[in-house]
Amino acid sequence: MGEAVEVLQVHVDNGDMYAATLLAELLTKHGREEEALELWQILADDDETGAYAATQLAQLLARQGKRKALQVRVDAGDHGAAEQFINLVAEEGLSEEAERLRRYGLLPDR
């Protein structure tokens, strides 16, 4: 895997967003989630890779239990993050709050 990361990183350093996506996927798959998280955050805000990357980012944040980071994405209008946020709330044992969120949505003061 090390060689693949090195090759992809050269392309990423040259602004290749497709290579960045491949690298983020590879890092995620091999448990290097913190490194992948950085890439997914950049990619999520890119016009070309945004939708896919935002989904991957939200899933990774949820897996890591990063509720606050998911909330930031939700507040920025990331609808995929909203679903992951609600699921995380439910997994934390707050099923009534999760149901309220599903029914009425997220309120600005959350």
PDB file of N, CA and C in Angstrom:
ATOM      1  N   MET A   1       0.818  -1.189   0.000  1.00  0.00           N
ATOM      2  CA  MET A   1       0.000   0.000   0.000  1.00  0.00           C
ATOM      3  C   MET A   1       0.863   1.253   0.000  1.00  0.00           C
ATOM      4  N   GLY A   2       2.008   1.216   0.614  1.00  0.00           N
ATOM      5  CA  GLY A   2       2.863   2.387   0.730  1.00  0.00           C
ATOM      6  C   GLY A   2       3.221   3.003  -0.603  1.00  0.00           C
ATOM      7  N   GLU A   3       3.528   2.167  -1.572  1.00  0.00           N
ATOM      8  CA  GLU A   3       3.895   2.681  -2.894  1.00  0.00           C
ATOM      9  C   GLU A   3       2.709   3.356  -3.572  1.00  0.00           C
ATOM     10  N   ALA A   4       1.542   2.766  -3.439  1.00  0.00           N
ATOM     11  CA  ALA A   4       0.333   3.354  -4.032  1.00  0.00           C
ATOM     12  C   ALA A   4       0.049   4.720  -3.414  1.00  0.00           C
ATOM     13  N   VAL A   5       0.219   4.828  -2.100  1.00  0.00           N
ATOM     14  CA  VAL A   5      -0.002   6.099  -1.420  1.00  0.00           C
ATOM     15  C   VAL A   5       0.969   7.146  -1.949  1.00  0.00           C
ATOM     16  N   GLU A   6       2.223   6.763  -2.097  1.00  0.00           N
ATOM     17  CA  GLU A   6       3.240   7.699  -2.594  1.00  0.00           C
ATOM     18  C   GLU A   6       2.903   8.186  -4.003  1.00  0.00           C
ATOM     19  N   VAL A   7       2.542   7.265  -4.884  1.00  0.00           N
ATOM     20  CA  VAL A   7       2.212   7.626  -6.267  1.00  0.00           C
ATOM     21  C   VAL A   7       0.997   8.547  -6.300  1.00  0.00           C
ATOM     22  N   LEU A   8      -0.043   8.177  -5.573  1.00  0.00           N
ATOM     23  CA  LEU A   8      -1.245   9.007  -5.541  1.00  0.00           C
ATOM     24  C   LEU A   8      -0.962  10.378  -4.932  1.00  0.00           C
ATOM     25  N   GLN A   9      -0.140  10.414  -3.894  1.00  0.00           N
ATOM     26  CA  GLN A   9       0.167  11.680  -3.234  1.00  0.00           C
ATOM     27  C   GLN A   9       0.821  12.667  -4.191  1.00  0.00           C
ATOM     28  N   VAL A  10       1.670  12.188  -5.088  1.00  0.00           N
ATOM     29  CA  VAL A  10       2.291  13.068  -6.087  1.00  0.00           C
ATOM     30  C   VAL A  10       1.213  13.731  -6.932  1.00  0.00           C
ATOM     31  N   HIS A  11       0.232  12.948  -7.349  1.00  0.00           N
ATOM     32  CA  HIS A  11      -0.860  13.494  -8.159  1.00  0.00           C
ATOM     33  C   HIS A  11      -1.736  14.455  -7.348  1.00  0.00           C
ATOM     34  N   VAL A  12      -1.969  14.104  -6.114  1.00  0.00           N
ATOM     35  CA  VAL A  12      -2.762  14.976  -5.234  1.00  0.00           C
ATOM     36  C   VAL A  12      -2.049  16.317  -5.069  1.00  0.00           C
ATOM     37  N   ASP A  13      -0.748  16.257  -4.857  1.00  0.00           N
ATOM     38  CA  ASP A  13       0.042  17.486  -4.693  1.00  0.00           C
ATOM     39  C   ASP A  13      -0.011  18.371  -5.936  1.00  0.00           C
ATOM     40  N   ASN A  14      -0.304  17.774  -7.077  1.00  0.00           N
ATOM     41  CA  ASN A  14      -0.421  18.522  -8.335  1.00  0.00           C
ATOM     42  C   ASN A  14      -1.863  18.919  -8.631  1.00  0.00           C
ATOM     43  N   GLY A  15      -2.747  18.731  -7.645  1.00  0.00           N
ATOM     44  CA  GLY A  15      -4.126  19.197  -7.782  1.00  0.00           C
ATOM     45  C   GLY A  15      -5.100  18.223  -8.417  1.00  0.00           C
ATOM     46  N   ASP A  16      -4.726  16.969  -8.537  1.00  0.00           N
ATOM     47  CA  ASP A  16      -5.589  15.955  -9.156  1.00  0.00           C
ATOM     48  C   ASP A  16      -6.619  15.473  -8.130  1.00  0.00           C
ATOM     49  N   MET A  17      -7.856  15.948  -8.288  1.00  0.00           N
ATOM     50  CA  MET A  17      -8.901  15.608  -7.324  1.00  0.00           C
ATOM     51  C   MET A  17      -9.334  14.142  -7.445  1.00  0.00           C
ATOM     52  N   TYR A  18      -9.258  13.577  -8.638  1.00  0.00           N
ATOM     53  CA  TYR A  18      -9.578  12.156  -8.789  1.00  0.00           C
ATOM     54  C   TYR A  18      -8.571  11.315  -7.991  1.00  0.00           C
ATOM     55  N   ALA A  19      -7.295  11.665  -8.085  1.00  0.00           N
ATOM     56  CA  ALA A  19      -6.271  10.951  -7.310  1.00  0.00           C
ATOM     57  C   ALA A  19      -6.512  11.147  -5.818  1.00  0.00           C
ATOM     58  N   ALA A  20      -6.960  12.334  -5.437  1.00  0.00           N
ATOM     59  CA  ALA A  20      -7.260  12.590  -4.024  1.00  0.00           C
ATOM     60  C   ALA A  20      -8.390  11.691  -3.539  1.00  0.00           C
ATOM     61  N   THR A  21      -9.385  11.503  -4.393  1.00  0.00           N
ATOM     62  CA  THR A  21     -10.493  10.615  -4.040  1.00  0.00           C
ATOM     63  C   THR A  21      -9.999   9.179  -3.876  1.00  0.00           C
ATOM     64  N   LEU A  22      -9.192   8.727  -4.828  1.00  0.00           N
ATOM     65  CA  LEU A  22      -8.642   7.369  -4.736  1.00  0.00           C
ATOM     66  C   LEU A  22      -7.790   7.203  -3.481  1.00  0.00           C
ATOM     67  N   LEU A  23      -6.995   8.215  -3.179  1.00  0.00           N
ATOM     68  CA  LEU A  23      -6.147   8.152  -1.988  1.00  0.00           C
ATOM     69  C   LEU A  23      -6.992   8.128  -0.715  1.00  0.00           C
ATOM     70  N   ALA A  24      -8.014   8.955  -0.666  1.00  0.00           N
ATOM     71  CA  ALA A  24      -8.893   8.965   0.510  1.00  0.00           C
ATOM     72  C   ALA A  24      -9.572   7.611   0.693  1.00  0.00           C
ATOM     73  N   GLU A  25     -10.013   7.020  -0.405  1.00  0.00           N
ATOM     74  CA  GLU A  25     -10.630   5.683  -0.334  1.00  0.00           C
ATOM     75  C   GLU A  25      -9.637   4.647   0.172  1.00  0.00           C
ATOM     76  N   LEU A  26      -8.422   4.697  -0.354  1.00  0.00           N
ATOM     77  CA  LEU A  26      -7.388   3.741   0.042  1.00  0.00           C
ATOM     78  C   LEU A  26      -7.040   3.886   1.526  1.00  0.00           C
ATOM     79  N   LEU A  27      -6.870   5.116   1.963  1.00  0.00           N
ATOM     80  CA  LEU A  27      -6.553   5.358   3.369  1.00  0.00           C
ATOM     81  C   LEU A  27      -7.685   4.897   4.280  1.00  0.00           C
ATOM     82  N   THR A  28      -8.909   5.176   3.874  1.00  0.00           N
ATOM     83  CA  THR A  28     -10.066   4.744   4.667  1.00  0.00           C
ATOM     84  C   THR A  28     -10.111   3.226   4.763  1.00  0.00           C
ATOM     85  N   LYS A  29      -9.942   2.575   3.629  1.00  0.00           N
ATOM     86  CA  LYS A  29     -10.006   1.110   3.571  1.00  0.00           C
ATOM     87  C   LYS A  29      -8.954   0.455   4.469  1.00  0.00           C
ATOM     88  N   HIS A  30      -7.805   1.106   4.587  1.00  0.00           N
ATOM     89  CA  HIS A  30      -6.709   0.517   5.362  1.00  0.00           C
ATOM     90  C   HIS A  30      -6.585   1.086   6.771  1.00  0.00           C
ATOM     91  N   GLY A  31      -7.661   1.723   7.230  1.00  0.00           N
ATOM     92  CA  GLY A  31      -7.719   2.147   8.616  1.00  0.00           C
ATOM     93  C   GLY A  31      -6.934   3.401   8.961  1.00  0.00           C
ATOM     94  N   ARG A  32      -6.475   4.103   7.969  1.00  0.00           N
ATOM     95  CA  ARG A  32      -5.747   5.348   8.210  1.00  0.00           C
ATOM     96  C   ARG A  32      -6.752   6.506   8.134  1.00  0.00           C
ATOM     97  N   GLU A  33      -7.698   6.435   9.060  1.00  0.00           N
ATOM     98  CA  GLU A  33      -8.878   7.299   8.992  1.00  0.00           C
ATOM     99  C   GLU A  33      -8.586   8.765   9.227  1.00  0.00           C
ATOM    100  N   GLU A  34      -7.651   9.101  10.078  1.00  0.00           N
ATOM    101  CA  GLU A  34      -7.363  10.513  10.324  1.00  0.00           C
ATOM    102  C   GLU A  34      -6.797  11.175   9.071  1.00  0.00           C
ATOM    103  N   GLU A  35      -5.914  10.464   8.377  1.00  0.00           N
ATOM    104  CA  GLU A  35      -5.380  10.994   7.118  1.00  0.00           C
ATOM    105  C   GLU A  35      -6.490  11.106   6.072  1.00  0.00           C
ATOM    106  N   ALA A  36      -7.319  10.086   6.017  1.00  0.00           N
ATOM    107  CA  ALA A  36      -8.432  10.083   5.061  1.00  0.00           C
ATOM    108  C   ALA A  36      -9.400  11.215   5.370  1.00  0.00           C
ATOM    109  N   LEU A  37      -9.637  11.454   6.636  1.00  0.00           N
ATOM    110  CA  LEU A  37     -10.564  12.502   7.062  1.00  0.00           C
ATOM    111  C   LEU A  37     -10.155  13.866   6.509  1.00  0.00           C
ATOM    112  N   GLU A  38      -8.870  14.156   6.571  1.00  0.00           N
ATOM    113  CA  GLU A  38      -8.377  15.424   6.037  1.00  0.00           C
ATOM    114  C   GLU A  38      -8.695  15.555   4.550  1.00  0.00           C
ATOM    115  N   LEU A  39      -8.462  14.490   3.802  1.00  0.00           N
ATOM    116  CA  LEU A  39      -8.744  14.520   2.363  1.00  0.00           C
ATOM    117  C   LEU A  39     -10.239  14.629   2.085  1.00  0.00           C
ATOM    118  N   TRP A  40     -11.041  13.843   2.798  1.00  0.00           N
ATOM    119  CA  TRP A  40     -12.491  13.895   2.578  1.00  0.00           C
ATOM    120  C   TRP A  40     -13.029  15.294   2.855  1.00  0.00           C
ATOM    121  N   GLN A  41     -12.483  15.972   3.850  1.00  0.00           N
ATOM    122  CA  GLN A  41     -12.951  17.328   4.160  1.00  0.00           C
ATOM    123  C   GLN A  41     -12.661  18.288   3.014  1.00  0.00           C
ATOM    124  N   ILE A  42     -11.497  18.180   2.429  1.00  0.00           N
ATOM    125  CA  ILE A  42     -11.149  19.017   1.278  1.00  0.00           C
ATOM    126  C   ILE A  42     -12.026  18.663   0.084  1.00  0.00           C
ATOM    127  N   LEU A  43     -12.157  17.377  -0.175  1.00  0.00           N
ATOM    128  CA  LEU A  43     -12.922  16.914  -1.330  1.00  0.00           C
ATOM    129  C   LEU A  43     -14.405  17.243  -1.212  1.00  0.00           C
ATOM    130  N   ALA A  44     -14.926  17.236   0.000  1.00  0.00           N
ATOM    131  CA  ALA A  44     -16.356  17.494   0.207  1.00  0.00           C
ATOM    132  C   ALA A  44     -16.740  18.909  -0.226  1.00  0.00           C
ATOM    133  N   ASP A  45     -15.800  19.812  -0.218  1.00  0.00           N
ATOM    134  CA  ASP A  45     -16.074  21.196  -0.596  1.00  0.00           C
ATOM    135  C   ASP A  45     -15.709  21.500  -2.052  1.00  0.00           C
ATOM    136  N   ASP A  46     -15.285  20.480  -2.790  1.00  0.00           N
ATOM    137  CA  ASP A  46     -14.911  20.643  -4.194  1.00  0.00           C
ATOM    138  C   ASP A  46     -16.129  20.429  -5.089  1.00  0.00           C
ATOM    139  N   ASP A  47     -16.265  21.241  -6.122  1.00  0.00           N
ATOM    140  CA  ASP A  47     -17.418  21.136  -7.022  1.00  0.00           C
ATOM    141  C   ASP A  47     -17.505  19.783  -7.728  1.00  0.00           C
ATOM    142  N   GLU A  48     -16.368  19.228  -8.140  1.00  0.00           N
ATOM    143  CA  GLU A  48     -16.370  17.964  -8.880  1.00  0.00           C
ATOM    144  C   GLU A  48     -16.614  16.750  -7.991  1.00  0.00           C
ATOM    145  N   THR A  49     -16.022  16.736  -6.835  1.00  0.00           N
ATOM    146  CA  THR A  49     -16.051  15.543  -5.979  1.00  0.00           C
ATOM    147  C   THR A  49     -16.948  15.706  -4.765  1.00  0.00           C
ATOM    148  N   GLY A  50     -17.570  16.859  -4.623  1.00  0.00           N
ATOM    149  CA  GLY A  50     -18.274  17.220  -3.408  1.00  0.00           C
ATOM    150  C   GLY A  50     -19.320  16.259  -2.900  1.00  0.00           C
ATOM    151  N   ALA A  51     -20.250  15.857  -3.744  1.00  0.00           N
ATOM    152  CA  ALA A  51     -21.363  15.032  -3.269  1.00  0.00           C
ATOM    153  C   ALA A  51     -20.882  13.677  -2.749  1.00  0.00           C
ATOM    154  N   TYR A  52     -20.067  13.003  -3.533  1.00  0.00           N
ATOM    155  CA  TYR A  52     -19.550  11.695  -3.127  1.00  0.00           C
ATOM    156  C   TYR A  52     -18.688  11.830  -1.871  1.00  0.00           C
ATOM    157  N   ALA A  53     -17.799  12.815  -1.889  1.00  0.00           N
ATOM    158  CA  ALA A  53     -16.891  13.000  -0.764  1.00  0.00           C
ATOM    159  C   ALA A  53     -17.643  13.389   0.502  1.00  0.00           C
ATOM    160  N   ALA A  54     -18.677  14.213   0.363  1.00  0.00           N
ATOM    161  CA  ALA A  54     -19.459  14.614   1.535  1.00  0.00           C
ATOM    162  C   ALA A  54     -20.117  13.395   2.176  1.00  0.00           C
ATOM    163  N   THR A  55     -20.587  12.477   1.349  1.00  0.00           N
ATOM    164  CA  THR A  55     -21.178  11.238   1.867  1.00  0.00           C
ATOM    165  C   THR A  55     -20.137  10.413   2.604  1.00  0.00           C
ATOM    166  N   GLN A  56     -18.971  10.256   1.990  1.00  0.00           N
ATOM    167  CA  GLN A  56     -17.900   9.487   2.628  1.00  0.00           C
ATOM    168  C   GLN A  56     -17.449  10.140   3.920  1.00  0.00           C
ATOM    169  N   LEU A  57     -17.336  11.460   3.899  1.00  0.00           N
ATOM    170  CA  LEU A  57     -16.936  12.202   5.095  1.00  0.00           C
ATOM    171  C   LEU A  57     -17.947  12.007   6.219  1.00  0.00           C
ATOM    172  N   ALA A  58     -19.221  12.144   5.909  1.00  0.00           N
ATOM    173  CA  ALA A  58     -20.266  11.987   6.926  1.00  0.00           C
ATOM    174  C   ALA A  58     -20.245  10.574   7.512  1.00  0.00           C
ATOM    175  N   GLN A  59     -20.065   9.577   6.671  1.00  0.00           N
ATOM    176  CA  GLN A  59     -20.010   8.197   7.163  1.00  0.00           C
ATOM    177  C   GLN A  59     -18.808   7.982   8.070  1.00  0.00           C
ATOM    178  N   LEU A  60     -17.667   8.542   7.684  1.00  0.00           N
ATOM    179  CA  LEU A  60     -16.462   8.395   8.494  1.00  0.00           C
ATOM    180  C   LEU A  60     -16.604   9.123   9.830  1.00  0.00           C
ATOM    181  N   LEU A  61     -17.134  10.330   9.791  1.00  0.00           N
ATOM    182  CA  LEU A  61     -17.353  11.073  11.038  1.00  0.00           C
ATOM    183  C   LEU A  61     -18.306  10.323  11.969  1.00  0.00           C
ATOM    184  N   ALA A  62     -19.351   9.733  11.397  1.00  0.00           N
ATOM    185  CA  ALA A  62     -20.305   8.968  12.205  1.00  0.00           C
ATOM    186  C   ALA A  62     -19.630   7.734  12.810  1.00  0.00           C
ATOM    187  N   ARG A  63     -18.842   7.018  11.997  1.00  0.00           N
ATOM    188  CA  ARG A  63     -18.133   5.838  12.507  1.00  0.00           C
ATOM    189  C   ARG A  63     -17.215   6.200  13.660  1.00  0.00           C
ATOM    190  N   GLN A  64     -16.627   7.390  13.596  1.00  0.00           N
ATOM    191  CA  GLN A  64     -15.711   7.824  14.644  1.00  0.00           C
ATOM    192  C   GLN A  64     -16.442   8.479  15.818  1.00  0.00           C
ATOM    193  N   GLY A  65     -17.755   8.626  15.698  1.00  0.00           N
ATOM    194  CA  GLY A  65     -18.540   9.212  16.772  1.00  0.00           C
ATOM    195  C   GLY A  65     -18.331  10.704  16.928  1.00  0.00           C
ATOM    196  N   LYS A  66     -17.962  11.373  15.874  1.00  0.00           N
ATOM    197  CA  LYS A  66     -17.668  12.812  15.926  1.00  0.00           C
ATOM    198  C   LYS A  66     -18.942  13.622  15.682  1.00  0.00           C
ATOM    199  N   ARG A  67     -19.745  13.657  16.717  1.00  0.00           N
ATOM    200  CA  ARG A  67     -21.057  14.309  16.640  1.00  0.00           C
ATOM    201  C   ARG A  67     -20.944  15.800  16.329  1.00  0.00           C
ATOM    202  N   LYS A  68     -20.018  16.498  16.982  1.00  0.00           N
ATOM    203  CA  LYS A  68     -19.856  17.940  16.772  1.00  0.00           C
ATOM    204  C   LYS A  68     -19.447  18.233  15.330  1.00  0.00           C
ATOM    205  N   ALA A  69     -18.526  17.456  14.788  1.00  0.00           N
ATOM    206  CA  ALA A  69     -18.079  17.662  13.408  1.00  0.00           C
ATOM    207  C   ALA A  69     -19.226  17.410  12.429  1.00  0.00           C
ATOM    208  N   LEU A  70     -20.044  16.408  12.714  1.00  0.00           N
ATOM    209  CA  LEU A  70     -21.225  16.167  11.879  1.00  0.00           C
ATOM    210  C   LEU A  70     -22.190  17.338  11.967  1.00  0.00           C
ATOM    211  N   GLN A  71     -22.356  17.878  13.157  1.00  0.00           N
ATOM    212  CA  GLN A  71     -23.258  19.019  13.342  1.00  0.00           C
ATOM    213  C   GLN A  71     -22.788  20.214  12.511  1.00  0.00           C
ATOM    214  N   VAL A  72     -21.486  20.433  12.449  1.00  0.00           N
ATOM    215  CA  VAL A  72     -20.936  21.520  11.631  1.00  0.00           C
ATOM    216  C   VAL A  72     -21.302  21.306  10.171  1.00  0.00           C
ATOM    217  N   ARG A  73     -21.171  20.067   9.691  1.00  0.00           N
ATOM    218  CA  ARG A  73     -21.525  19.757   8.298  1.00  0.00           C
ATOM    219  C   ARG A  73     -23.020  19.977   8.066  1.00  0.00           C
ATOM    220  N   VAL A  74     -23.834  19.573   9.017  1.00  0.00           N
ATOM    221  CA  VAL A  74     -25.287  19.764   8.906  1.00  0.00           C
ATOM    222  C   VAL A  74     -25.601  21.255   8.837  1.00  0.00           C
ATOM    223  N   ASP A  75     -24.995  22.026   9.723  1.00  0.00           N
ATOM    224  CA  ASP A  75     -25.225  23.467   9.751  1.00  0.00           C
ATOM    225  C   ASP A  75     -24.810  24.139   8.449  1.00  0.00           C
ATOM    226  N   ALA A  76     -23.857  23.520   7.745  1.00  0.00           N
ATOM    227  CA  ALA A  76     -23.397  24.059   6.462  1.00  0.00           C
ATOM    228  C   ALA A  76     -24.297  23.614   5.303  1.00  0.00           C
ATOM    229  N   GLY A  77     -25.341  22.837   5.620  1.00  0.00           N
ATOM    230  CA  GLY A  77     -26.293  22.424   4.591  1.00  0.00           C
ATOM    231  C   GLY A  77     -26.043  21.062   3.985  1.00  0.00           C
ATOM    232  N   ASP A  78     -25.215  20.248   4.611  1.00  0.00           N
ATOM    233  CA  ASP A  78     -24.910  18.910   4.109  1.00  0.00           C
ATOM    234  C   ASP A  78     -26.013  17.946   4.557  1.00  0.00           C
ATOM    235  N   HIS A  79     -26.917  17.630   3.632  1.00  0.00           N
ATOM    236  CA  HIS A  79     -28.068  16.779   3.966  1.00  0.00           C
ATOM    237  C   HIS A  79     -27.665  15.348   4.298  1.00  0.00           C
ATOM    238  N   GLY A  80     -26.622  14.840   3.646  1.00  0.00           N
ATOM    239  CA  GLY A  80     -26.133  13.508   3.966  1.00  0.00           C
ATOM    240  C   GLY A  80     -25.605  13.431   5.390  1.00  0.00           C
ATOM    241  N   ALA A  81     -24.976  14.504   5.823  1.00  0.00           N
ATOM    242  CA  ALA A  81     -24.479  14.544   7.199  1.00  0.00           C
ATOM    243  C   ALA A  81     -25.631  14.548   8.191  1.00  0.00           C
ATOM    244  N   ALA A  82     -26.752  15.137   7.787  1.00  0.00           N
ATOM    245  CA  ALA A  82     -27.916  15.185   8.684  1.00  0.00           C
ATOM    246  C   ALA A  82     -28.390  13.771   9.009  1.00  0.00           C
ATOM    247  N   GLU A  83     -28.476  12.930   8.008  1.00  0.00           N
ATOM    248  CA  GLU A  83     -28.925  11.553   8.249  1.00  0.00           C
ATOM    249  C   GLU A  83     -27.932  10.803   9.131  1.00  0.00           C
ATOM    250  N   GLN A  84     -26.647  10.992   8.866  1.00  0.00           N
ATOM    251  CA  GLN A  84     -25.625  10.344   9.691  1.00  0.00           C
ATOM    252  C   GLN A  84     -25.675  10.870  11.129  1.00  0.00           C
ATOM    253  N   PHE A  85     -25.921  12.165  11.276  1.00  0.00           N
ATOM    254  CA  PHE A  85     -26.026  12.779  12.603  1.00  0.00           C
ATOM    255  C   PHE A  85     -27.188  12.159  13.376  1.00  0.00           C
ATOM    256  N   ILE A  86     -28.333  12.047  12.723  1.00  0.00           N
ATOM    257  CA  ILE A  86     -29.516  11.474  13.376  1.00  0.00           C
ATOM    258  C   ILE A  86     -29.258  10.016  13.765  1.00  0.00           C
ATOM    259  N   ASN A  87     -28.632   9.267  12.870  1.00  0.00           N
ATOM    260  CA  ASN A  87     -28.314   7.869  13.177  1.00  0.00           C
ATOM    261  C   ASN A  87     -27.363   7.769  14.365  1.00  0.00           C
ATOM    262  N   LEU A  88     -26.392   8.683  14.424  1.00  0.00           N
ATOM    263  CA  LEU A  88     -25.449   8.676  15.539  1.00  0.00           C
ATOM    264  C   LEU A  88     -26.158   8.998  16.853  1.00  0.00           C
ATOM    265  N   VAL A  89     -27.065   9.943  16.816  1.00  0.00           N
ATOM    266  CA  VAL A  89     -27.853  10.284  18.010  1.00  0.00           C
ATOM    267  C   VAL A  89     -28.620   9.040  18.483  1.00  0.00           C
ATOM    268  N   ALA A  90     -29.219   8.328  17.546  1.00  0.00           N
ATOM    269  CA  ALA A  90     -29.962   7.112  17.888  1.00  0.00           C
ATOM    270  C   ALA A  90     -29.037   6.048  18.482  1.00  0.00           C
ATOM    271  N   GLU A  91     -27.851   5.881  17.892  1.00  0.00           N
ATOM    272  CA  GLU A  91     -26.887   4.894  18.389  1.00  0.00           C
ATOM    273  C   GLU A  91     -26.395   5.232  19.790  1.00  0.00           C
ATOM    274  N   GLU A  92     -26.405   6.514  20.124  1.00  0.00           N
ATOM    275  CA  GLU A  92     -25.984   6.944  21.458  1.00  0.00           C
ATOM    276  C   GLU A  92     -27.075   6.699  22.502  1.00  0.00           C
ATOM    277  N   GLY A  93     -28.183   6.096  22.072  1.00  0.00           N
ATOM    278  CA  GLY A  93     -29.258   5.774  22.995  1.00  0.00           C
ATOM    279  C   GLY A  93     -30.276   6.881  23.171  1.00  0.00           C
ATOM    280  N   LEU A  94     -30.206   7.873  22.350  1.00  0.00           N
ATOM    281  CA  LEU A  94     -31.133   9.001  22.435  1.00  0.00           C
ATOM    282  C   LEU A  94     -32.211   8.846  21.369  1.00  0.00           C
ATOM    283  N   SER A  95     -32.949   7.759  21.457  1.00  0.00           N
ATOM    284  CA  SER A  95     -33.922   7.429  20.414  1.00  0.00           C
ATOM    285  C   SER A  95     -35.051   8.447  20.310  1.00  0.00           C
ATOM    286  N   GLU A  96     -35.481   9.011  21.425  1.00  0.00           N
ATOM    287  CA  GLU A  96     -36.551  10.024  21.362  1.00  0.00           C
ATOM    288  C   GLU A  96     -36.069  11.269  20.632  1.00  0.00           C
ATOM    289  N   GLU A  97     -34.842  11.685  20.931  1.00  0.00           N
ATOM    290  CA  GLU A  97     -34.287  12.849  20.234  1.00  0.00           C
ATOM    291  C   GLU A  97     -34.100  12.551  18.748  1.00  0.00           C
ATOM    292  N   ALA A  98     -33.637  11.355  18.431  1.00  0.00           N
ATOM    293  CA  ALA A  98     -33.461  10.970  17.032  1.00  0.00           C
ATOM    294  C   ALA A  98     -34.795  10.984  16.293  1.00  0.00           C
ATOM    295  N   GLU A  99     -35.831  10.478  16.933  1.00  0.00           N
ATOM    296  CA  GLU A  99     -37.153  10.474  16.305  1.00  0.00           C
ATOM    297  C   GLU A  99     -37.662  11.899  16.098  1.00  0.00           C
ATOM    298  N   ARG A 100     -37.428  12.757  17.085  1.00  0.00           N
ATOM    299  CA  ARG A 100     -37.824  14.158  16.944  1.00  0.00           C
ATOM    300  C   ARG A 100     -37.086  14.811  15.779  1.00  0.00           C
ATOM    301  N   LEU A 101     -35.802  14.507  15.658  1.00  0.00           N
ATOM    302  CA  LEU A 101     -35.012  15.063  14.561  1.00  0.00           C
ATOM    303  C   LEU A 101     -35.517  14.565  13.205  1.00  0.00           C
ATOM    304  N   ARG A 102     -35.847  13.287  13.139  1.00  0.00           N
ATOM    305  CA  ARG A 102     -36.385  12.737  11.887  1.00  0.00           C
ATOM    306  C   ARG A 102     -37.717  13.380  11.528  1.00  0.00           C
ATOM    307  N   ARG A 103     -38.527  13.611  12.537  1.00  0.00           N
ATOM    308  CA  ARG A 103     -39.867  14.137  12.308  1.00  0.00           C
ATOM    309  C   ARG A 103     -39.862  15.637  12.003  1.00  0.00           C
ATOM    310  N   TYR A 104     -39.095  16.402  12.773  1.00  0.00           N
ATOM    311  CA  TYR A 104     -39.165  17.866  12.674  1.00  0.00           C
ATOM    312  C   TYR A 104     -37.908  18.522  12.102  1.00  0.00           C
ATOM    313  N   GLY A 105     -36.845  17.748  11.941  1.00  0.00           N
ATOM    314  CA  GLY A 105     -35.609  18.318  11.412  1.00  0.00           C
ATOM    315  C   GLY A 105     -34.761  18.923  12.515  1.00  0.00           C
ATOM    316  N   LEU A 106     -33.644  19.458  12.075  1.00  0.00           N
ATOM    317  CA  LEU A 106     -32.700  20.068  13.004  1.00  0.00           C
ATOM    318  C   LEU A 106     -33.070  21.530  13.209  1.00  0.00           C
ATOM    319  N   LEU A 107     -33.030  21.938  14.439  1.00  0.00           N
ATOM    320  CA  LEU A 107     -33.378  23.308  14.772  1.00  0.00           C
ATOM    321  C   LEU A 107     -32.093  24.142  14.851  1.00  0.00           C
ATOM    322  N   PRO A 108     -32.164  25.436  14.515  1.00  0.00           N
ATOM    323  CA  PRO A 108     -30.963  26.270  14.505  1.00  0.00           C
ATOM    324  C   PRO A 108     -30.221  26.342  15.844  1.00  0.00           C
ATOM    325  N   ASP A 109     -30.914  26.168  16.944  1.00  0.00           N
ATOM    326  CA  ASP A 109     -30.261  26.270  18.255  1.00  0.00           C
ATOM    327  C   ASP A 109     -29.622  24.979  18.708  1.00  0.00           C
ATOM    328  N   ARG A 110     -29.584  23.932  17.913  1.00  0.00           N
ATOM    329  CA  ARG A 110     -28.996  22.643  18.280  1.00  0.00           C
ATOM    330  C   ARG A 110     -27.501  22.708  18.274  1.00  0.00           C
TER     331      ARG A 110
END
